[in-house]
């Protein structure tokens, strides 16, 4: 078997051996890069006889910039809510997850963020949100402009394409459907809304089907 070289973005890993398939390696790396759960695998034979195995992250819905902590998935990091914040280096997160991350750092439990979050009760999770701060992350301020889907004022300068608050929330819900392996339909989007028990959505369930029809190609 040819030696493999595993790559994701700008990182490279050596071949762990014949006992590990490409899927096994991807599954292992998902512990550190949760977005790889939905990644595709591209294999290319190199001139030196080795094989390059590259993991390619699946593109998000319509290129919308969203909370990167929430991108870990509902079962790992909980629902997203609140305006986007950005820290040095360009990582974006919703206010809820920035505050959760701060509470996690303050408590220093020795666990990973997802382990700590999973151990909290639903009430304790919301307490942690209140106790946490925004850690000096910069609020992505509102900018002049209009939503590409409806013409209403844009929600935040960090959104691409520009979207109003309702379309931004819908984009998050669509992305969540995709990450969890569900078809993006009005019914599935509404199910994701209902699953986020503590979320306060600005998009109404009755609006979902109409708004969705203008966002999916």
Foldseek 3Di string as FASTA:
>chain_A
DAWEWEDEDHDIDGRPDPVADPVNVLVVCCVVVVQLVLWDWDWDQDPVRHIYIYTGGDQAALNWDAQPQCLSACLQQHDADAAWFAAPVGHIHHLQRLQLVQLCVVVPPVDDSRVVVNPDDPVVSVVSSVVGDNVPTGGQDFDADAAPQPGHGFPGPRTVPGHHQQVSLLSSLQRNCVSVPHDDALVSSVVSVVVRPPDDHPHDSVCSRVSVVRRDD
